[in-house]
Each structure stands twice: as C-alpha cells, then as structure tokens.
Amino acid sequence: MDTIERRAPVQADRQRPAGSITWAEHLAVYEAYARKYGRSQSAERIAERGGFGYDEAALIGVQLKTWVQR
C-alpha cells in the first residue's frame, strides 16, 4: 500500500516557482518562525494561506531541503 506523505506549500518568488516541502520540514520552519515572530498563526494556518516563501525561510535562517516543484 502506498502512503502519501503530507506536504506543505511553498510560495513562488521571482527566482523560483511554487513548490512544497515535507510537513516535518514545514513544522521545523514554523518553530524557527514562532521563536522570532510568535505564535499568532498556527503552522496549519500558514499552510492554508499558501505556506512560507523562500525569502521568508531564509530570513529566519532556514534553507529548504525537501522542496519540490508543484
């Protein structure tokens, strides 16, 4: 039986198309984000709103490792 890994969206920017990352990586980015900016939005809500952007992840010191193009 195939299992589908949950993924979170990543917003496109000028250099890269939209994509996705594993949910585990999304949660790791969220934890770094929450330490810097607080928890006014949940990880779920950020994913619902289109996910993190590349530049946003870079600003909080995270390099996206599981990104794949949509």
Protein backbone atom coordinates (compact mmCIF):
# COMPACT_ATOMS: atom_id res chain seq x y z
CA MET A 1 0.00 0.00 0.00
CA ASP A 2 1.37 3.40 -0.98
CA THR A 3 1.43 6.09 1.65
CA ILE A 4 1.23 9.71 0.65
CA GLU A 5 3.46 11.95 2.72
CA ARG A 6 1.82 15.15 3.87
CA ARG A 7 3.39 18.23 2.31
CA ALA A 8 3.03 21.96 2.85
CA PRO A 9 3.02 24.58 0.09
CA VAL A 10 5.89 26.98 -0.54
CA GLN A 11 5.09 30.28 -2.23
CA ALA A 12 6.72 31.18 -5.53
CA ASP A 13 9.07 34.12 -5.77
CA ARG A 14 10.84 35.89 -8.63
CA GLN A 15 13.50 33.19 -8.97
CA ARG A 16 11.58 30.02 -8.10
CA PRO A 17 8.18 28.53 -8.92
CA ALA A 18 5.73 27.42 -6.26
CA GLY A 19 6.51 24.10 -4.65
CA SER A 20 6.07 22.10 -1.50
CA ILE A 21 8.10 20.75 1.41
CA THR A 22 7.50 17.85 3.74
CA TRP A 23 5.19 18.55 6.62
CA ALA A 24 8.03 17.75 9.04
CA GLU A 25 10.18 20.45 7.44
CA HIS A 26 7.24 22.88 7.46
CA LEU A 27 6.93 22.31 11.22
CA ALA A 28 10.67 22.92 11.68
CA VAL A 29 10.41 26.19 9.72
CA TYR A 30 7.34 27.09 11.78
CA GLU A 31 9.24 26.57 15.04
CA ALA A 32 12.01 28.92 13.87
CA TYR A 33 9.35 31.40 12.73
CA ALA A 34 7.49 31.15 16.06
CA ARG A 35 10.68 31.80 18.07
CA LYS A 36 11.24 35.01 16.10
CA TYR A 37 7.69 36.25 15.48
CA GLY A 38 5.42 34.46 17.95
CA ARG A 39 2.55 32.04 17.51
CA SER A 40 -0.24 34.34 16.36
CA GLN A 41 -0.72 31.95 13.42
CA SER A 42 -0.53 28.18 13.66
CA ALA A 43 1.50 26.01 11.31
CA GLU A 44 -1.83 24.81 9.88
CA ARG A 45 -2.99 28.36 9.19
CA ILE A 46 0.26 29.32 7.48
CA ALA A 47 -0.07 26.28 5.20
CA GLU A 48 -3.71 27.20 4.46
CA ARG A 49 -2.56 30.68 3.44
CA GLY A 50 -0.01 29.37 0.95
CA GLY A 51 2.89 28.38 3.16
CA PHE A 52 6.20 30.08 3.75
CA GLY A 53 8.14 31.77 0.98
CA TYR A 54 11.79 31.07 0.18
CA ASP A 55 12.88 34.52 1.31
CA GLU A 56 10.83 34.25 4.49
CA ALA A 57 12.52 30.95 5.36
CA ALA A 58 15.94 32.48 4.63
CA LEU A 59 15.19 35.47 6.89
CA ILE A 60 14.63 33.12 9.81
CA GLY A 61 17.76 31.18 8.96
CA VAL A 62 16.30 28.08 7.32
CA GLN A 63 17.30 26.58 3.99
CA LEU A 64 14.52 24.48 2.47
CA LYS A 65 15.85 20.96 1.88
CA THR A 66 12.79 18.93 0.80
CA TRP A 67 11.37 21.41 -1.73
CA VAL A 68 9.91 20.02 -4.93
CA GLN A 69 8.24 21.99 -7.68
CA ARG A 70 4.47 21.74 -7.86
